Amino acid sequence: MKSKEAWQKYLENHLQFPFEAEIVDDPGPLKVGDIIKVTAIEGVFDLYGIVVKARMGRKQYSFPICLLEPVEKESKNYQLVDEYNFWFCNQ
């Protein structure tokens, strides 16, 4: 199993959905500082790593988790996303 797929399986089993996250980088229609509700993991892509399904208002988005930071800094989700993002940025 490849590392990205292993991370996907691990996060699917340990993240608690849904959770709110802040956008920390701007790759598209959403802006830095926007808050979205992450609802599930969509899949793994070579360029973007793990991509999640998210909502903002009534609109649904697919968004790389490496560009997100969970709002609740004391949560298990924050720690898990932070650890994945560290790994992804340094691979």
PDB file of N, CA and C in Angstrom:
ATOM      1  N   MET A   1       0.846  -1.180   0.000  1.00  0.00           N
ATOM      2  CA  MET A   1       0.000   0.000   0.000  1.00  0.00           C
ATOM      3  C   MET A   1       0.890   1.242   0.000  1.00  0.00           C
ATOM      4  N   LYS A   2       0.552   2.200  -0.835  1.00  0.00           N
ATOM      5  CA  LYS A   2       1.321   3.438  -0.905  1.00  0.00           C
ATOM      6  C   LYS A   2       1.046   4.299   0.323  1.00  0.00           C
ATOM      7  N   SER A   3       1.971   5.199   0.617  1.00  0.00           N
ATOM      8  CA  SER A   3       1.855   6.045   1.806  1.00  0.00           C
ATOM      9  C   SER A   3       0.597   6.900   1.799  1.00  0.00           C
ATOM     10  N   LYS A   4       0.260   7.508   0.652  1.00  0.00           N
ATOM     11  CA  LYS A   4      -0.942   8.360   0.603  1.00  0.00           C
ATOM     12  C   LYS A   4      -2.199   7.550   0.877  1.00  0.00           C
ATOM     13  N   GLU A   5      -2.270   6.346   0.323  1.00  0.00           N
ATOM     14  CA  GLU A   5      -3.433   5.501   0.561  1.00  0.00           C
ATOM     15  C   GLU A   5      -3.493   5.054   2.024  1.00  0.00           C
ATOM     16  N   ALA A   6      -2.330   4.808   2.619  1.00  0.00           N
ATOM     17  CA  ALA A   6      -2.288   4.443   4.037  1.00  0.00           C
ATOM     18  C   ALA A   6      -2.791   5.600   4.893  1.00  0.00           C
ATOM     19  N   TRP A   7      -2.374   6.820   4.561  1.00  0.00           N
ATOM     20  CA  TRP A   7      -2.868   7.996   5.273  1.00  0.00           C
ATOM     21  C   TRP A   7      -4.379   8.134   5.100  1.00  0.00           C
ATOM     22  N   GLN A   8      -4.866   7.913   3.876  1.00  0.00           N
ATOM     23  CA  GLN A   8      -6.306   8.018   3.631  1.00  0.00           C
ATOM     24  C   GLN A   8      -7.071   7.059   4.538  1.00  0.00           C
ATOM     25  N   LYS A   9      -6.658   5.809   4.565  1.00  0.00           N
ATOM     26  CA  LYS A   9      -7.331   4.803   5.388  1.00  0.00           C
ATOM     27  C   LYS A   9      -7.264   5.190   6.867  1.00  0.00           C
ATOM     28  N   TYR A  10      -6.103   5.655   7.309  1.00  0.00           N
ATOM     29  CA  TYR A  10      -5.939   6.053   8.708  1.00  0.00           C
ATOM     30  C   TYR A  10      -6.870   7.214   9.063  1.00  0.00           C
ATOM     31  N   LEU A  11      -6.898   8.236   8.214  1.00  0.00           N
ATOM     32  CA  LEU A  11      -7.753   9.391   8.497  1.00  0.00           C
ATOM     33  C   LEU A  11      -9.229   9.028   8.413  1.00  0.00           C
ATOM     34  N   GLU A  12      -9.612   8.179   7.477  1.00  0.00           N
ATOM     35  CA  GLU A  12     -11.012   7.736   7.384  1.00  0.00           C
ATOM     36  C   GLU A  12     -11.449   7.054   8.670  1.00  0.00           C
ATOM     37  N   ASN A  13     -10.532   6.323   9.295  1.00  0.00           N
ATOM     38  CA  ASN A  13     -10.855   5.586  10.517  1.00  0.00           C
ATOM     39  C   ASN A  13     -10.755   6.421  11.786  1.00  0.00           C
ATOM     40  N   HIS A  14     -10.077   7.572  11.736  1.00  0.00           N
ATOM     41  CA  HIS A  14      -9.831   8.318  12.965  1.00  0.00           C
ATOM     42  C   HIS A  14     -10.413   9.732  13.009  1.00  0.00           C
ATOM     43  N   LEU A  15     -10.604  10.371  11.872  1.00  0.00           N
ATOM     44  CA  LEU A  15     -11.223  11.702  11.890  1.00  0.00           C
ATOM     45  C   LEU A  15     -12.690  11.573  12.267  1.00  0.00           C
ATOM     46  N   GLN A  16     -13.204  12.579  12.962  1.00  0.00           N
ATOM     47  CA  GLN A  16     -14.618  12.613  13.327  1.00  0.00           C
ATOM     48  C   GLN A  16     -15.312  13.619  12.425  1.00  0.00           C
ATOM     49  N   PHE A  17     -16.200  13.113  11.567  1.00  0.00           N
ATOM     50  CA  PHE A  17     -16.928  13.950  10.618  1.00  0.00           C
ATOM     51  C   PHE A  17     -18.328  14.219  11.131  1.00  0.00           C
ATOM     52  N   PRO A  18     -18.904  15.352  10.793  1.00  0.00           N
ATOM     53  CA  PRO A  18     -18.302  16.496  10.104  1.00  0.00           C
ATOM     54  C   PRO A  18     -17.500  17.344  11.086  1.00  0.00           C
ATOM     55  N   PHE A  19     -16.620  18.190  10.538  1.00  0.00           N
ATOM     56  CA  PHE A  19     -15.911  19.161  11.364  1.00  0.00           C
ATOM     57  C   PHE A  19     -15.665  20.419  10.545  1.00  0.00           C
ATOM     58  N   GLU A  20     -15.529  21.522  11.264  1.00  0.00           N
ATOM     59  CA  GLU A  20     -15.272  22.795  10.595  1.00  0.00           C
ATOM     60  C   GLU A  20     -13.777  23.002  10.434  1.00  0.00           C
ATOM     61  N   ALA A  21     -13.413  23.574   9.287  1.00  0.00           N
ATOM     62  CA  ALA A  21     -12.006  23.847   9.008  1.00  0.00           C
ATOM     63  C   ALA A  21     -11.881  25.198   8.320  1.00  0.00           C
ATOM     64  N   GLU A  22     -10.754  25.834   8.564  1.00  0.00           N
ATOM     65  CA  GLU A  22     -10.446  27.118   7.936  1.00  0.00           C
ATOM     66  C   GLU A  22      -9.517  26.884   6.753  1.00  0.00           C
ATOM     67  N   ILE A  23      -9.765  27.596   5.677  1.00  0.00           N
ATOM     68  CA  ILE A  23      -8.900  27.519   4.508  1.00  0.00           C
ATOM     69  C   ILE A  23      -7.658  28.357   4.786  1.00  0.00           C
ATOM     70  N   VAL A  24      -6.479  27.728   4.643  1.00  0.00           N
ATOM     71  CA  VAL A  24      -5.223  28.420   4.942  1.00  0.00           C
ATOM     72  C   VAL A  24      -4.402  28.716   3.695  1.00  0.00           C
ATOM     73  N   ASP A  25      -4.874  28.251   2.547  1.00  0.00           N
ATOM     74  CA  ASP A  25      -4.246  28.591   1.268  1.00  0.00           C
ATOM     75  C   ASP A  25      -5.349  28.646   0.230  1.00  0.00           C
ATOM     76  N   ASP A  26      -5.143  29.394  -0.841  1.00  0.00           N
ATOM     77  CA  ASP A  26      -6.214  29.726  -1.781  1.00  0.00           C
ATOM     78  C   ASP A  26      -5.982  29.145  -3.169  1.00  0.00           C
ATOM     79  N   PRO A  27      -6.488  27.922  -3.436  1.00  0.00           N
ATOM     80  CA  PRO A  27      -6.281  27.340  -4.749  1.00  0.00           C
ATOM     81  C   PRO A  27      -7.434  27.539  -5.728  1.00  0.00           C
ATOM     82  N   GLY A  28      -8.516  28.169  -5.295  1.00  0.00           N
ATOM     83  CA  GLY A  28      -9.661  28.227  -6.205  1.00  0.00           C
ATOM     84  C   GLY A  28     -10.746  29.176  -5.755  1.00  0.00           C
ATOM     85  N   PRO A  29     -11.994  28.713  -5.802  1.00  0.00           N
ATOM     86  CA  PRO A  29     -13.129  29.604  -5.584  1.00  0.00           C
ATOM     87  C   PRO A  29     -13.287  30.085  -4.141  1.00  0.00           C
ATOM     88  N   LEU A  30     -12.671  29.406  -3.192  1.00  0.00           N
ATOM     89  CA  LEU A  30     -12.767  29.823  -1.797  1.00  0.00           C
ATOM     90  C   LEU A  30     -11.546  30.645  -1.421  1.00  0.00           C
ATOM     91  N   LYS A  31     -11.699  31.448  -0.349  1.00  0.00           N
ATOM     92  CA  LYS A  31     -10.619  32.363   0.042  1.00  0.00           C
ATOM     93  C   LYS A  31     -10.000  31.949   1.372  1.00  0.00           C
ATOM     94  N   VAL A  32      -8.761  32.355   1.569  1.00  0.00           N
ATOM     95  CA  VAL A  32      -8.094  32.143   2.848  1.00  0.00           C
ATOM     96  C   VAL A  32      -8.955  32.774   3.938  1.00  0.00           C
ATOM     97  N   GLY A  33      -9.179  32.015   5.006  1.00  0.00           N
ATOM     98  CA  GLY A  33      -9.992  32.487   6.114  1.00  0.00           C
ATOM     99  C   GLY A  33     -11.427  31.992   6.067  1.00  0.00           C
ATOM    100  N   ASP A  34     -11.891  31.523   4.907  1.00  0.00           N
ATOM    101  CA  ASP A  34     -13.243  30.961   4.821  1.00  0.00           C
ATOM    102  C   ASP A  34     -13.327  29.719   5.701  1.00  0.00           C
ATOM    103  N   ILE A  35     -14.494  29.512   6.305  1.00  0.00           N
ATOM    104  CA  ILE A  35     -14.743  28.333   7.127  1.00  0.00           C
ATOM    105  C   ILE A  35     -15.667  27.401   6.348  1.00  0.00           C
ATOM    106  N   ILE A  36     -15.253  26.140   6.236  1.00  0.00           N
ATOM    107  CA  ILE A  36     -16.065  25.143   5.544  1.00  0.00           C
ATOM    108  C   ILE A  36     -16.344  23.981   6.489  1.00  0.00           C
ATOM    109  N   LYS A  37     -17.364  23.198   6.163  1.00  0.00           N
ATOM    110  CA  LYS A  37     -17.678  22.002   6.937  1.00  0.00           C
ATOM    111  C   LYS A  37     -17.197  20.790   6.143  1.00  0.00           C
ATOM    112  N   VAL A  38     -16.233  20.089   6.696  1.00  0.00           N
ATOM    113  CA  VAL A  38     -15.674  18.897   6.056  1.00  0.00           C
ATOM    114  C   VAL A  38     -16.580  17.719   6.405  1.00  0.00           C
ATOM    115  N   THR A  39     -17.055  17.010   5.359  1.00  0.00           N
ATOM    116  CA  THR A  39     -18.033  15.949   5.583  1.00  0.00           C
ATOM    117  C   THR A  39     -17.502  14.537   5.350  1.00  0.00           C
ATOM    118  N   ALA A  40     -16.459  14.389   4.549  1.00  0.00           N
ATOM    119  CA  ALA A  40     -15.936  13.051   4.251  1.00  0.00           C
ATOM    120  C   ALA A  40     -14.638  13.165   3.464  1.00  0.00           C
ATOM    121  N   ILE A  41     -13.931  12.057   3.386  1.00  0.00           N
ATOM    122  CA  ILE A  41     -12.764  11.986   2.508  1.00  0.00           C
ATOM    123  C   ILE A  41     -13.242  11.507   1.146  1.00  0.00           C
ATOM    124  N   GLU A  42     -12.849  12.230   0.122  1.00  0.00           N
ATOM    125  CA  GLU A  42     -13.255  11.881  -1.243  1.00  0.00           C
ATOM    126  C   GLU A  42     -12.294  10.896  -1.893  1.00  0.00           C
ATOM    127  N   GLY A  43     -10.988  11.111  -1.699  1.00  0.00           N
ATOM    128  CA  GLY A  43     -10.020  10.223  -2.322  1.00  0.00           C
ATOM    129  C   GLY A  43      -8.619  10.780  -2.246  1.00  0.00           C
ATOM    130  N   VAL A  44      -7.705  10.105  -2.943  1.00  0.00           N
ATOM    131  CA  VAL A  44      -6.298  10.494  -2.967  1.00  0.00           C
ATOM    132  C   VAL A  44      -5.901  10.788  -4.405  1.00  0.00           C
ATOM    133  N   PHE A  45      -5.185  11.892  -4.587  1.00  0.00           N
ATOM    134  CA  PHE A  45      -4.727  12.300  -5.907  1.00  0.00           C
ATOM    135  C   PHE A  45      -3.239  12.618  -5.824  1.00  0.00           C
ATOM    136  N   ASP A  46      -2.503  12.262  -6.873  1.00  0.00           N
ATOM    137  CA  ASP A  46      -1.050  12.443  -6.865  1.00  0.00           C
ATOM    138  C   ASP A  46      -0.637  13.871  -6.545  1.00  0.00           C
ATOM    139  N   LEU A  47      -1.243  14.833  -7.194  1.00  0.00           N
ATOM    140  CA  LEU A  47      -0.831  16.227  -7.031  1.00  0.00           C
ATOM    141  C   LEU A  47      -1.306  16.843  -5.719  1.00  0.00           C
ATOM    142  N   TYR A  48      -2.536  16.541  -5.316  1.00  0.00           N
ATOM    143  CA  TYR A  48      -3.148  17.214  -4.166  1.00  0.00           C
ATOM    144  C   TYR A  48      -3.158  16.395  -2.889  1.00  0.00           C
ATOM    145  N   GLY A  49      -2.792  15.139  -2.960  1.00  0.00           N
ATOM    146  CA  GLY A  49      -2.861  14.292  -1.782  1.00  0.00           C
ATOM    147  C   GLY A  49      -4.302  13.943  -1.463  1.00  0.00           C
ATOM    148  N   ILE A  50      -4.627  13.912  -0.183  1.00  0.00           N
ATOM    149  CA  ILE A  50      -5.982  13.562   0.238  1.00  0.00           C
ATOM    150  C   ILE A  50      -6.906  14.751   0.000  1.00  0.00           C
ATOM    151  N   VAL A  51      -8.018  14.461  -0.663  1.00  0.00           N
ATOM    152  CA  VAL A  51      -9.023  15.479  -0.965  1.00  0.00           C
ATOM    153  C   VAL A  51     -10.287  15.129  -0.187  1.00  0.00           C
ATOM    154  N   VAL A  52     -10.889  16.142   0.434  1.00  0.00           N
ATOM    155  CA  VAL A  52     -12.099  15.932   1.224  1.00  0.00           C
ATOM    156  C   VAL A  52     -13.304  16.555   0.537  1.00  0.00           C
ATOM    157  N   LYS A  53     -14.475  16.070   0.922  1.00  0.00           N
ATOM    158  CA  LYS A  53     -15.731  16.688   0.515  1.00  0.00           C
ATOM    159  C   LYS A  53     -16.071  17.713   1.580  1.00  0.00           C
ATOM    160  N   ALA A  54     -16.511  18.883   1.145  1.00  0.00           N
ATOM    161  CA  ALA A  54     -16.810  19.951   2.099  1.00  0.00           C
ATOM    162  C   ALA A  54     -17.990  20.773   1.603  1.00  0.00           C
ATOM    163  N   ARG A  55     -18.597  21.494   2.537  1.00  0.00           N
ATOM    164  CA  ARG A  55     -19.718  22.372   2.216  1.00  0.00           C
ATOM    165  C   ARG A  55     -19.456  23.753   2.792  1.00  0.00           C
ATOM    166  N   MET A  56     -19.932  24.738   2.053  1.00  0.00           N
ATOM    167  CA  MET A  56     -19.978  26.108   2.561  1.00  0.00           C
ATOM    168  C   MET A  56     -21.328  26.638   2.110  1.00  0.00           C
ATOM    169  N   GLY A  57     -22.205  26.838   3.080  1.00  0.00           N
ATOM    170  CA  GLY A  57     -23.574  27.170   2.724  1.00  0.00           C
ATOM    171  C   GLY A  57     -24.197  25.979   2.017  1.00  0.00           C
ATOM    172  N   ARG A  58     -24.816  26.228   0.881  1.00  0.00           N
ATOM    173  CA  ARG A  58     -25.444  25.143   0.116  1.00  0.00           C
ATOM    174  C   ARG A  58     -24.515  24.535  -0.929  1.00  0.00           C
ATOM    175  N   LYS A  59     -23.369  25.143  -1.117  1.00  0.00           N
ATOM    176  CA  LYS A  59     -22.449  24.667  -2.153  1.00  0.00           C
ATOM    177  C   LYS A  59     -21.535  23.576  -1.608  1.00  0.00           C
ATOM    178  N   GLN A  60     -21.253  22.600  -2.470  1.00  0.00           N
ATOM    179  CA  GLN A  60     -20.342  21.516  -2.122  1.00  0.00           C
ATOM    180  C   GLN A  60     -19.040  21.685  -2.890  1.00  0.00           C
ATOM    181  N   TYR A  61     -17.953  21.319  -2.239  1.00  0.00           N
ATOM    182  CA  TYR A  61     -16.626  21.461  -2.828  1.00  0.00           C
ATOM    183  C   TYR A  61     -15.812  20.202  -2.581  1.00  0.00           C
ATOM    184  N   SER A  62     -14.811  20.016  -3.405  1.00  0.00           N
ATOM    185  CA  SER A  62     -13.743  19.048  -3.160  1.00  0.00           C
ATOM    186  C   SER A  62     -12.510  19.888  -2.876  1.00  0.00           C
ATOM    187  N   PHE A  63     -11.803  19.560  -1.789  1.00  0.00           N
ATOM    188  CA  PHE A  63     -10.730  20.442  -1.354  1.00  0.00           C
ATOM    189  C   PHE A  63      -9.580  19.630  -0.771  1.00  0.00           C
ATOM    190  N   PRO A  64      -8.336  19.940  -1.141  1.00  0.00           N
ATOM    191  CA  PRO A  64      -7.187  19.232  -0.559  1.00  0.00           C
ATOM    192  C   PRO A  64      -7.098  19.509   0.946  1.00  0.00           C
ATOM    193  N   ILE A  65      -6.982  18.459   1.718  1.00  0.00           N
ATOM    194  CA  ILE A  65      -6.935  18.627   3.169  1.00  0.00           C
ATOM    195  C   ILE A  65      -5.660  19.347   3.611  1.00  0.00           C
ATOM    196  N   CYS A  66      -4.629  19.317   2.771  1.00  0.00           N
ATOM    197  CA  CYS A  66      -3.374  19.993   3.124  1.00  0.00           C
ATOM    198  C   CYS A  66      -3.522  21.513   3.125  1.00  0.00           C
ATOM    199  N   LEU A  67      -4.631  22.027   2.624  1.00  0.00           N
ATOM    200  CA  LEU A  67      -4.872  23.474   2.603  1.00  0.00           C
ATOM    201  C   LEU A  67      -5.877  23.893   3.667  1.00  0.00           C
ATOM    202  N   LEU A  68      -6.150  22.978   4.606  1.00  0.00           N
ATOM    203  CA  LEU A  68      -7.145  23.225   5.647  1.00  0.00           C
ATOM    204  C   LEU A  68      -6.532  23.108   7.035  1.00  0.00           C
ATOM    205  N   GLU A  69      -7.180  23.782   7.980  1.00  0.00           N
ATOM    206  CA  GLU A  69      -6.812  23.671   9.389  1.00  0.00           C
ATOM    207  C   GLU A  69      -8.105  23.595  10.193  1.00  0.00           C
ATOM    208  N   PRO A  70      -8.334  22.493  10.924  1.00  0.00           N
ATOM    209  CA  PRO A  70      -9.545  22.402  11.733  1.00  0.00           C
ATOM    210  C   PRO A  70      -9.660  23.590  12.692  1.00  0.00           C
ATOM    211  N   VAL A  71     -10.881  24.069  12.866  1.00  0.00           N
ATOM    212  CA  VAL A  71     -11.133  25.251  13.689  1.00  0.00           C
ATOM    213  C   VAL A  71     -10.845  24.963  15.160  1.00  0.00           C
ATOM    214  N   GLU A  72     -11.255  23.794  15.648  1.00  0.00           N
ATOM    215  CA  GLU A  72     -11.056  23.444  17.059  1.00  0.00           C
ATOM    216  C   GLU A  72      -9.621  22.967  17.265  1.00  0.00           C
ATOM    217  N   LYS A  73      -8.783  23.854  17.746  1.00  0.00           N
ATOM    218  CA  LYS A  73      -7.345  23.576  17.860  1.00  0.00           C
ATOM    219  C   LYS A  73      -7.011  22.509  18.906  1.00  0.00           C
ATOM    220  N   GLU A  74      -7.914  22.264  19.842  1.00  0.00           N
ATOM    221  CA  GLU A  74      -7.671  21.267  20.887  1.00  0.00           C
ATOM    222  C   GLU A  74      -8.235  19.898  20.513  1.00  0.00           C
ATOM    223  N   SER A  75      -8.782  19.762  19.325  1.00  0.00           N
ATOM    224  CA  SER A  75      -9.445  18.515  18.939  1.00  0.00           C
ATOM    225  C   SER A  75      -8.460  17.487  18.392  1.00  0.00           C
ATOM    226  N   LYS A  76      -8.897  16.237  18.417  1.00  0.00           N
ATOM    227  CA  LYS A  76      -8.125  15.153  17.814  1.00  0.00           C
ATOM    228  C   LYS A  76      -8.003  15.386  16.311  1.00  0.00           C
ATOM    229  N   ASN A  77      -9.061  15.925  15.695  1.00  0.00           N
ATOM    230  CA  ASN A  77      -9.021  16.205  14.254  1.00  0.00           C
ATOM    231  C   ASN A  77      -7.897  17.174  13.917  1.00  0.00           C
ATOM    232  N   TYR A  78      -7.706  18.187  14.752  1.00  0.00           N
ATOM    233  CA  TYR A  78      -6.644  19.166  14.500  1.00  0.00           C
ATOM    234  C   TYR A  78      -5.286  18.468  14.475  1.00  0.00           C
ATOM    235  N   GLN A  79      -5.046  17.631  15.456  1.00  0.00           N
ATOM    236  CA  GLN A  79      -3.765  16.925  15.543  1.00  0.00           C
ATOM    237  C   GLN A  79      -3.559  16.007  14.339  1.00  0.00           C
ATOM    238  N   LEU A  80      -4.597  15.266  13.956  1.00  0.00           N
ATOM    239  CA  LEU A  80      -4.483  14.342  12.825  1.00  0.00           C
ATOM    240  C   LEU A  80      -4.210  15.076  11.517  1.00  0.00           C
ATOM    241  N   VAL A  81      -4.953  16.146  11.269  1.00  0.00           N
ATOM    242  CA  VAL A  81      -4.760  16.913  10.030  1.00  0.00           C
ATOM    243  C   VAL A  81      -3.386  17.568  10.030  1.00  0.00           C
ATOM    244  N   ASP A  82      -2.965  18.088  11.182  1.00  0.00           N
ATOM    245  CA  ASP A  82      -1.653  18.722  11.287  1.00  0.00           C
ATOM    246  C   ASP A  82      -0.532  17.716  10.987  1.00  0.00           C
ATOM    247  N   GLU A  83      -0.646  16.511  11.535  1.00  0.00           N
ATOM    248  CA  GLU A  83       0.371  15.483  11.290  1.00  0.00           C
ATOM    249  C   GLU A  83       0.398  15.081   9.819  1.00  0.00           C
ATOM    250  N   TYR A  84      -0.777  14.910   9.213  1.00  0.00           N
ATOM    251  CA  TYR A  84      -0.818  14.580   7.779  1.00  0.00           C
ATOM    252  C   TYR A  84      -0.206  15.706   6.954  1.00  0.00           C
ATOM    253  N   ASN A  85      -0.578  16.944   7.254  1.00  0.00           N
ATOM    254  CA  ASN A  85      -0.070  18.084   6.485  1.00  0.00           C
ATOM    255  C   ASN A  85       1.449  18.195   6.586  1.00  0.00           C
ATOM    256  N   PHE A  86       1.994  17.939   7.769  1.00  0.00           N
ATOM    257  CA  PHE A  86       3.448  17.955   7.941  1.00  0.00           C
ATOM    258  C   PHE A  86       4.085  16.895   7.042  1.00  0.00           C
ATOM    259  N   TRP A  87       3.516  15.682   7.077  1.00  0.00           N
ATOM    260  CA  TRP A  87       4.042  14.604   6.232  1.00  0.00           C
ATOM    261  C   TRP A  87       3.929  14.972   4.751  1.00  0.00           C
ATOM    262  N   PHE A  88       2.759  15.452   4.331  1.00  0.00           N
ATOM    263  CA  PHE A  88       2.522  15.745   2.917  1.00  0.00           C
ATOM    264  C   PHE A  88       3.474  16.818   2.400  1.00  0.00           C
ATOM    265  N   CYS A  89       3.699  17.850   3.193  1.00  0.00           N
ATOM    266  CA  CYS A  89       4.572  18.953   2.760  1.00  0.00           C
ATOM    267  C   CYS A  89       6.044  18.557   2.735  1.00  0.00           C
ATOM    268  N   ASN A  90       6.402  17.491   3.427  1.00  0.00           N
ATOM    269  CA  ASN A  90       7.805  17.089   3.517  1.00  0.00           C
ATOM    270  C   ASN A  90       8.119  15.782   2.805  1.00  0.00           C
ATOM    271  N   GLN A  91       7.204  15.277   2.041  1.00  0.00           N
ATOM    272  CA  GLN A  91       7.462  13.997   1.348  1.00  0.00           C
ATOM    273  C   GLN A  91       8.360  14.175   0.146  1.00  0.00           C
TER     274      GLN A  91
END
